[in-house]
């Protein structure tokens, strides 16, 4: 269940609260998650960029522009007590825009370096060497 969205425009129409992605894994070894690469997030808010549906949720944004619509804290643990142990993996890498400060380096989110972000940028994240043309990734 790999979900990679590349060069997408995500436009929120939220009037109360919205969320871009919600994810759950049964264990930290399960190979699933959301990776947003080179996207644009605009619209109305407030908007959470990710929600933890369980203890091992994994969502990463890289090279993404965030307009000024991100909710306070940017991320939502969906009130799961288990998430207090910080087993979720929410990360950002080289994101920008007026809403980017609310997404990165706060609460559960981690500012990633290239080494940590690279697996979510590479074709190997979705086993893409077997089905993505070299010029597409």
N, C-alpha and C. Protein backbone atom coordinates (compact mmCIF):
# COMPACT_ATOMS: atom_id res chain seq x y z
N UNK A 1 0.83 -1.19 0.00
CA UNK A 1 0.00 0.00 0.00
C UNK A 1 0.88 1.26 0.00
N UNK A 2 1.70 1.40 -0.99
CA UNK A 2 2.51 2.62 -1.13
C UNK A 2 1.67 3.65 -1.84
N UNK A 3 1.72 4.85 -1.37
CA UNK A 3 0.99 5.94 -1.98
C UNK A 3 1.96 7.09 -2.22
N UNK A 4 2.33 7.31 -3.48
CA UNK A 4 3.22 8.40 -3.83
C UNK A 4 2.46 9.35 -4.73
N UNK A 5 2.41 10.60 -4.31
CA UNK A 5 1.78 11.64 -5.13
C UNK A 5 2.87 12.62 -5.52
N UNK A 6 3.09 12.78 -6.82
CA UNK A 6 4.16 13.61 -7.31
C UNK A 6 3.59 14.71 -8.20
N UNK A 7 4.05 15.93 -7.97
CA UNK A 7 3.67 17.10 -8.75
C UNK A 7 2.15 17.27 -8.80
N UNK A 8 1.50 17.11 -7.66
CA UNK A 8 0.05 17.25 -7.57
C UNK A 8 -0.30 18.61 -6.98
N UNK A 9 -1.44 19.15 -7.39
CA UNK A 9 -1.99 20.31 -6.72
C UNK A 9 -3.14 19.82 -5.85
N UNK A 10 -2.98 20.03 -4.55
CA UNK A 10 -3.99 19.63 -3.58
C UNK A 10 -4.70 20.90 -3.13
N UNK A 11 -5.97 21.03 -3.48
CA UNK A 11 -6.73 22.25 -3.19
C UNK A 11 -7.86 21.92 -2.21
N UNK A 12 -7.74 22.43 -1.00
CA UNK A 12 -8.71 22.16 0.05
C UNK A 12 -9.95 23.05 -0.10
N UNK A 13 -11.10 22.48 0.18
CA UNK A 13 -12.34 23.26 0.24
C UNK A 13 -12.95 23.17 1.64
N UNK A 14 -12.10 22.90 2.63
CA UNK A 14 -12.57 22.73 4.01
C UNK A 14 -13.18 24.01 4.55
N UNK A 15 -14.27 23.87 5.29
CA UNK A 15 -14.87 25.02 5.96
C UNK A 15 -14.65 24.96 7.47
N UNK A 16 -14.59 23.75 8.05
CA UNK A 16 -14.28 23.61 9.48
C UNK A 16 -12.86 23.10 9.64
N UNK A 17 -12.64 21.83 9.30
CA UNK A 17 -11.32 21.23 9.31
C UNK A 17 -11.25 20.23 8.17
N UNK A 18 -10.08 20.11 7.60
CA UNK A 18 -9.84 19.12 6.57
C UNK A 18 -8.55 18.38 6.88
N UNK A 19 -8.30 17.33 6.12
CA UNK A 19 -7.06 16.57 6.26
C UNK A 19 -6.67 16.03 4.90
N UNK A 20 -5.40 16.13 4.57
CA UNK A 20 -4.93 15.63 3.28
C UNK A 20 -4.81 14.12 3.30
N UNK A 21 -4.18 13.56 4.31
CA UNK A 21 -3.93 12.12 4.33
C UNK A 21 -4.11 11.57 5.73
N UNK A 22 -4.61 10.34 5.80
CA UNK A 22 -4.69 9.59 7.05
C UNK A 22 -4.10 8.22 6.77
N UNK A 23 -3.26 7.75 7.67
CA UNK A 23 -2.56 6.50 7.40
C UNK A 23 -2.47 5.64 8.66
N UNK A 24 -2.40 4.33 8.43
CA UNK A 24 -2.26 3.37 9.53
C UNK A 24 -1.39 2.22 9.06
N UNK A 25 -0.51 1.76 9.94
CA UNK A 25 0.27 0.53 9.72
C UNK A 25 0.12 -0.32 10.97
N UNK A 26 0.20 -1.63 10.82
CA UNK A 26 0.10 -2.53 11.96
C UNK A 26 1.41 -2.70 12.71
N UNK A 27 2.54 -2.41 12.03
CA UNK A 27 3.85 -2.54 12.67
C UNK A 27 4.82 -1.59 11.97
N UNK A 28 5.93 -1.28 12.61
CA UNK A 28 6.90 -0.40 11.97
C UNK A 28 7.60 -1.05 10.78
N UNK A 29 7.47 -2.35 10.63
CA UNK A 29 8.10 -3.07 9.51
C UNK A 29 7.22 -3.13 8.26
N UNK A 30 5.95 -2.78 8.40
CA UNK A 30 5.03 -2.81 7.27
C UNK A 30 5.43 -1.75 6.25
N UNK A 31 5.54 -2.13 4.99
CA UNK A 31 6.01 -1.23 3.95
C UNK A 31 4.84 -0.48 3.33
N UNK A 32 4.41 0.57 4.00
CA UNK A 32 3.35 1.40 3.47
C UNK A 32 3.50 2.82 4.00
N UNK A 33 2.80 3.73 3.37
CA UNK A 33 2.85 5.12 3.79
C UNK A 33 2.44 6.04 2.66
N UNK A 34 2.44 7.33 2.95
CA UNK A 34 2.17 8.36 1.95
C UNK A 34 3.42 9.19 1.75
N UNK A 35 3.78 9.44 0.50
CA UNK A 35 4.88 10.34 0.17
C UNK A 35 4.36 11.36 -0.83
N UNK A 36 4.45 12.62 -0.48
CA UNK A 36 4.06 13.72 -1.35
C UNK A 36 5.33 14.41 -1.81
N UNK A 37 5.57 14.46 -3.12
CA UNK A 37 6.81 15.00 -3.66
C UNK A 37 6.50 16.09 -4.68
N UNK A 38 7.04 17.28 -4.43
CA UNK A 38 6.91 18.38 -5.38
C UNK A 38 5.45 18.76 -5.62
N UNK A 39 4.69 18.87 -4.55
CA UNK A 39 3.27 19.19 -4.64
C UNK A 39 3.00 20.64 -4.21
N UNK A 40 1.77 21.07 -4.43
CA UNK A 40 1.31 22.40 -4.02
C UNK A 40 0.02 22.22 -3.23
N UNK A 41 -0.03 22.83 -2.03
CA UNK A 41 -1.21 22.73 -1.18
C UNK A 41 -1.80 24.12 -1.03
N UNK A 42 -3.03 24.31 -1.54
CA UNK A 42 -3.71 25.60 -1.50
C UNK A 42 -5.16 25.39 -1.07
N UNK A 43 -5.92 26.49 -0.98
CA UNK A 43 -7.35 26.40 -0.70
C UNK A 43 -7.73 27.06 0.59
N UNK A 44 -8.79 26.52 1.19
CA UNK A 44 -9.29 27.04 2.46
C UNK A 44 -8.93 26.06 3.57
N UNK A 45 -9.04 26.50 4.77
CA UNK A 45 -8.63 25.66 5.89
C UNK A 45 -9.51 25.93 7.08
N UNK A 46 -9.08 25.58 8.23
CA UNK A 46 -7.78 24.99 8.56
C UNK A 46 -7.67 23.55 8.09
N UNK A 47 -6.44 23.16 7.78
CA UNK A 47 -6.19 21.87 7.17
C UNK A 47 -5.04 21.16 7.87
N UNK A 48 -5.28 19.91 8.26
CA UNK A 48 -4.19 19.06 8.76
C UNK A 48 -3.53 18.41 7.55
N UNK A 49 -2.22 18.34 7.55
CA UNK A 49 -1.53 17.71 6.43
C UNK A 49 -1.47 16.20 6.59
N UNK A 50 -1.68 15.70 7.81
CA UNK A 50 -1.70 14.27 8.04
C UNK A 50 -2.36 13.92 9.36
N UNK A 51 -2.97 12.73 9.37
CA UNK A 51 -3.61 12.23 10.58
C UNK A 51 -3.11 10.81 10.83
N UNK A 52 -2.81 10.53 12.07
CA UNK A 52 -2.38 9.19 12.46
C UNK A 52 -3.61 8.35 12.79
N UNK A 53 -3.86 7.36 11.95
CA UNK A 53 -4.98 6.46 12.22
C UNK A 53 -4.57 5.35 13.18
N UNK A 54 -3.29 5.26 13.47
CA UNK A 54 -2.80 4.23 14.36
C UNK A 54 -1.40 4.56 14.84
N UNK A 55 -0.81 3.63 15.52
CA UNK A 55 0.45 3.85 16.21
C UNK A 55 1.64 4.00 15.26
N UNK A 56 1.58 3.46 14.05
CA UNK A 56 2.74 3.46 13.16
C UNK A 56 2.49 4.22 11.85
N UNK A 57 1.66 5.21 11.86
CA UNK A 57 1.38 5.99 10.66
C UNK A 57 2.67 6.56 10.09
N UNK A 58 2.70 6.73 8.74
CA UNK A 58 3.89 7.28 8.09
C UNK A 58 3.46 8.16 6.92
N UNK A 59 3.79 9.46 7.00
CA UNK A 59 3.47 10.43 5.96
C UNK A 59 4.66 11.39 5.83
N UNK A 60 5.12 11.60 4.59
CA UNK A 60 6.26 12.48 4.34
C UNK A 60 5.93 13.44 3.20
N UNK A 61 6.28 14.71 3.39
CA UNK A 61 6.16 15.75 2.36
C UNK A 61 7.56 16.22 2.00
N UNK A 62 7.88 16.25 0.70
CA UNK A 62 9.17 16.74 0.23
C UNK A 62 8.96 17.74 -0.90
N UNK A 63 9.73 18.82 -0.87
CA UNK A 63 9.69 19.84 -1.93
C UNK A 63 8.26 20.32 -2.18
N UNK A 64 7.49 20.50 -1.14
CA UNK A 64 6.07 20.87 -1.28
C UNK A 64 5.82 22.28 -0.77
N UNK A 65 5.00 23.02 -1.52
CA UNK A 65 4.58 24.37 -1.15
C UNK A 65 3.28 24.30 -0.36
N UNK A 66 3.25 24.99 0.79
CA UNK A 66 2.04 25.05 1.62
C UNK A 66 1.58 26.50 1.73
N UNK A 67 0.36 26.76 1.26
CA UNK A 67 -0.23 28.08 1.42
C UNK A 67 -0.60 28.27 2.90
N UNK A 68 -1.09 29.43 3.23
CA UNK A 68 -1.39 29.77 4.62
C UNK A 68 -2.76 29.22 5.04
N UNK A 69 -2.87 27.91 5.11
CA UNK A 69 -4.13 27.28 5.51
C UNK A 69 -3.91 26.12 6.47
N UNK A 70 -2.69 25.88 6.87
CA UNK A 70 -2.38 24.72 7.72
C UNK A 70 -2.83 24.99 9.15
N UNK A 71 -3.53 24.02 9.73
CA UNK A 71 -4.04 24.13 11.10
C UNK A 71 -2.89 24.20 12.10
N UNK A 72 -3.16 24.76 13.26
CA UNK A 72 -2.18 24.83 14.34
C UNK A 72 -1.58 23.45 14.59
N UNK A 73 -0.28 23.34 14.54
CA UNK A 73 0.38 22.06 14.76
C UNK A 73 0.52 21.22 13.51
N UNK A 74 -0.27 21.48 12.48
CA UNK A 74 -0.13 20.83 11.19
C UNK A 74 -0.55 19.38 11.09
N UNK A 75 -0.36 18.63 12.13
CA UNK A 75 -0.61 17.19 12.13
C UNK A 75 -1.59 16.83 13.24
N UNK A 76 -2.31 15.73 13.08
CA UNK A 76 -3.29 15.32 14.08
C UNK A 76 -3.04 13.85 14.46
N UNK A 77 -2.93 13.59 15.74
CA UNK A 77 -2.73 12.20 16.18
C UNK A 77 -4.06 11.47 16.36
N UNK A 78 -5.16 12.11 16.03
CA UNK A 78 -6.51 11.53 16.07
C UNK A 78 -6.83 11.01 17.46
N UNK A 79 -6.23 11.64 18.47
CA UNK A 79 -6.47 11.33 19.87
C UNK A 79 -6.16 9.88 20.24
N UNK A 80 -5.24 9.25 19.52
CA UNK A 80 -4.81 7.90 19.88
C UNK A 80 -3.79 8.00 21.01
N UNK A 81 -4.09 7.39 22.13
CA UNK A 81 -3.19 7.40 23.28
C UNK A 81 -1.83 6.81 22.89
N UNK A 82 -1.84 5.77 22.06
CA UNK A 82 -0.59 5.13 21.66
C UNK A 82 0.35 6.08 20.93
N UNK A 83 -0.17 7.10 20.28
CA UNK A 83 0.68 8.01 19.53
C UNK A 83 1.53 8.88 20.44
N UNK A 84 1.22 8.92 21.71
CA UNK A 84 2.02 9.71 22.63
C UNK A 84 3.44 9.15 22.76
N UNK A 85 3.65 7.89 22.35
CA UNK A 85 5.00 7.33 22.42
C UNK A 85 5.82 7.65 21.17
N UNK A 86 5.29 8.48 20.29
CA UNK A 86 6.01 8.99 19.12
C UNK A 86 6.47 7.90 18.16
N UNK A 87 5.66 6.88 17.94
CA UNK A 87 6.00 5.84 16.99
C UNK A 87 5.54 6.18 15.58
N UNK A 88 4.74 7.24 15.41
CA UNK A 88 4.36 7.67 14.07
C UNK A 88 5.58 8.29 13.40
N UNK A 89 5.59 8.29 12.07
CA UNK A 89 6.67 8.91 11.32
C UNK A 89 6.08 9.95 10.40
N UNK A 90 6.09 11.20 10.83
CA UNK A 90 5.66 12.33 10.03
C UNK A 90 6.90 13.15 9.72
N UNK A 91 7.17 13.39 8.44
CA UNK A 91 8.37 14.12 8.10
C UNK A 91 8.18 15.10 6.98
N UNK A 92 9.06 16.11 6.95
CA UNK A 92 9.08 17.10 5.88
C UNK A 92 10.52 17.32 5.44
N UNK A 93 10.67 17.57 4.14
CA UNK A 93 11.99 17.82 3.58
C UNK A 93 11.89 18.93 2.54
N UNK A 94 12.56 20.02 2.81
CA UNK A 94 12.66 21.16 1.90
C UNK A 94 11.30 21.64 1.41
N UNK A 95 10.37 21.85 2.34
CA UNK A 95 9.06 22.41 2.02
C UNK A 95 9.11 23.92 2.26
N UNK A 96 8.22 24.66 1.63
CA UNK A 96 8.23 26.11 1.75
C UNK A 96 6.83 26.68 1.62
N UNK A 97 6.73 27.99 1.79
CA UNK A 97 5.47 28.70 1.69
C UNK A 97 5.03 29.19 3.05
N UNK A 98 3.99 30.05 3.08
CA UNK A 98 3.54 30.63 4.35
C UNK A 98 3.01 29.62 5.35
N UNK A 99 2.59 28.45 4.92
CA UNK A 99 2.10 27.43 5.84
C UNK A 99 3.14 26.39 6.22
N UNK A 100 4.32 26.47 5.64
CA UNK A 100 5.34 25.43 5.85
C UNK A 100 5.83 25.38 7.30
N UNK A 101 5.89 26.51 7.97
CA UNK A 101 6.37 26.52 9.36
C UNK A 101 5.44 25.72 10.26
N UNK A 102 4.15 25.70 9.95
CA UNK A 102 3.19 24.94 10.76
C UNK A 102 3.28 23.44 10.49
N UNK A 103 3.92 23.05 9.39
CA UNK A 103 4.02 21.65 9.00
C UNK A 103 5.28 21.00 9.56
N UNK A 104 6.38 21.70 9.51
CA UNK A 104 7.66 21.10 9.85
C UNK A 104 8.17 21.49 11.22
N UNK A 105 8.84 20.56 11.86
CA UNK A 105 9.51 20.84 13.11
C UNK A 105 8.61 21.13 14.29
N UNK A 106 7.35 20.73 14.21
CA UNK A 106 6.43 20.95 15.33
C UNK A 106 5.79 19.62 15.71
N UNK A 107 5.49 19.48 16.98
CA UNK A 107 4.78 18.30 17.45
C UNK A 107 5.43 17.01 17.02
N UNK A 108 4.69 16.18 16.28
CA UNK A 108 5.17 14.87 15.88
C UNK A 108 6.03 14.89 14.63
N UNK A 109 6.05 16.00 13.89
CA UNK A 109 6.76 16.05 12.62
C UNK A 109 8.26 16.24 12.82
N UNK A 110 9.02 15.65 11.90
CA UNK A 110 10.47 15.77 11.92
C UNK A 110 10.93 16.50 10.66
N UNK A 111 11.89 17.41 10.81
CA UNK A 111 12.58 18.00 9.66
C UNK A 111 13.62 16.97 9.24
N UNK A 112 13.51 16.47 8.03
CA UNK A 112 14.38 15.40 7.57
C UNK A 112 15.62 15.96 6.87
N UNK A 113 16.71 15.22 6.95
CA UNK A 113 17.88 15.53 6.13
C UNK A 113 17.78 14.66 4.87
N UNK A 114 18.70 14.88 3.92
CA UNK A 114 18.60 14.15 2.65
C UNK A 114 18.64 12.64 2.85
N UNK A 115 19.51 12.16 3.73
CA UNK A 115 19.62 10.73 3.94
C UNK A 115 18.34 10.09 4.43
N UNK A 116 17.62 10.77 5.31
CA UNK A 116 16.36 10.23 5.83
C UNK A 116 15.23 10.40 4.83
N UNK A 117 15.25 11.49 4.05
CA UNK A 117 14.19 11.76 3.07
C UNK A 117 14.35 10.93 1.81
N UNK A 118 15.58 10.57 1.46
CA UNK A 118 15.84 9.93 0.17
C UNK A 118 14.99 8.69 -0.10
N UNK A 119 14.76 7.79 0.86
CA UNK A 119 13.92 6.63 0.55
C UNK A 119 12.51 7.01 0.09
N UNK A 120 12.03 8.18 0.49
CA UNK A 120 10.68 8.60 0.11
C UNK A 120 10.69 9.38 -1.20
N UNK A 121 11.86 9.64 -1.75
CA UNK A 121 12.01 10.33 -3.03
C UNK A 121 12.36 9.37 -4.15
N UNK A 122 12.90 8.22 -3.79
CA UNK A 122 13.43 7.28 -4.78
C UNK A 122 12.36 6.31 -5.25
N UNK A 123 12.60 5.74 -6.43
CA UNK A 123 11.68 4.75 -6.99
C UNK A 123 11.55 3.53 -6.10
N UNK A 124 12.55 3.25 -5.29
CA UNK A 124 12.50 2.05 -4.46
C UNK A 124 11.37 2.12 -3.43
N UNK A 125 10.88 3.33 -3.12
CA UNK A 125 9.79 3.47 -2.16
C UNK A 125 8.55 2.71 -2.61
N UNK A 126 8.32 2.66 -3.90
CA UNK A 126 7.14 1.98 -4.44
C UNK A 126 7.54 0.82 -5.34
N UNK A 127 8.76 0.29 -5.12
CA UNK A 127 9.27 -0.79 -5.97
C UNK A 127 9.21 -0.37 -7.43
N UNK A 128 9.49 0.91 -7.68
CA UNK A 128 9.29 1.50 -9.00
C UNK A 128 10.30 1.13 -10.05
N UNK A 129 11.42 0.53 -9.67
CA UNK A 129 12.39 0.13 -10.68
C UNK A 129 11.79 -0.85 -11.67
N UNK A 130 10.71 -1.51 -11.27
CA UNK A 130 10.09 -2.52 -12.11
C UNK A 130 8.98 -1.99 -13.00
N UNK A 131 8.47 -0.78 -12.72
CA UNK A 131 7.34 -0.33 -13.53
C UNK A 131 7.35 1.16 -13.87
N UNK A 132 8.28 1.94 -13.33
CA UNK A 132 8.35 3.36 -13.67
C UNK A 132 9.50 3.57 -14.64
N UNK A 133 9.23 4.24 -15.74
CA UNK A 133 10.27 4.54 -16.72
C UNK A 133 11.34 5.44 -16.08
N UNK A 134 12.61 5.28 -16.48
CA UNK A 134 13.69 6.05 -15.86
C UNK A 134 13.47 7.56 -15.87
N UNK A 135 12.86 8.09 -16.91
CA UNK A 135 12.66 9.54 -17.02
C UNK A 135 11.47 10.03 -16.20
N UNK A 136 10.68 9.14 -15.61
CA UNK A 136 9.50 9.53 -14.82
C UNK A 136 9.77 9.62 -13.34
N UNK A 137 10.93 9.25 -12.86
CA UNK A 137 11.18 9.27 -11.42
C UNK A 137 12.53 9.83 -11.09
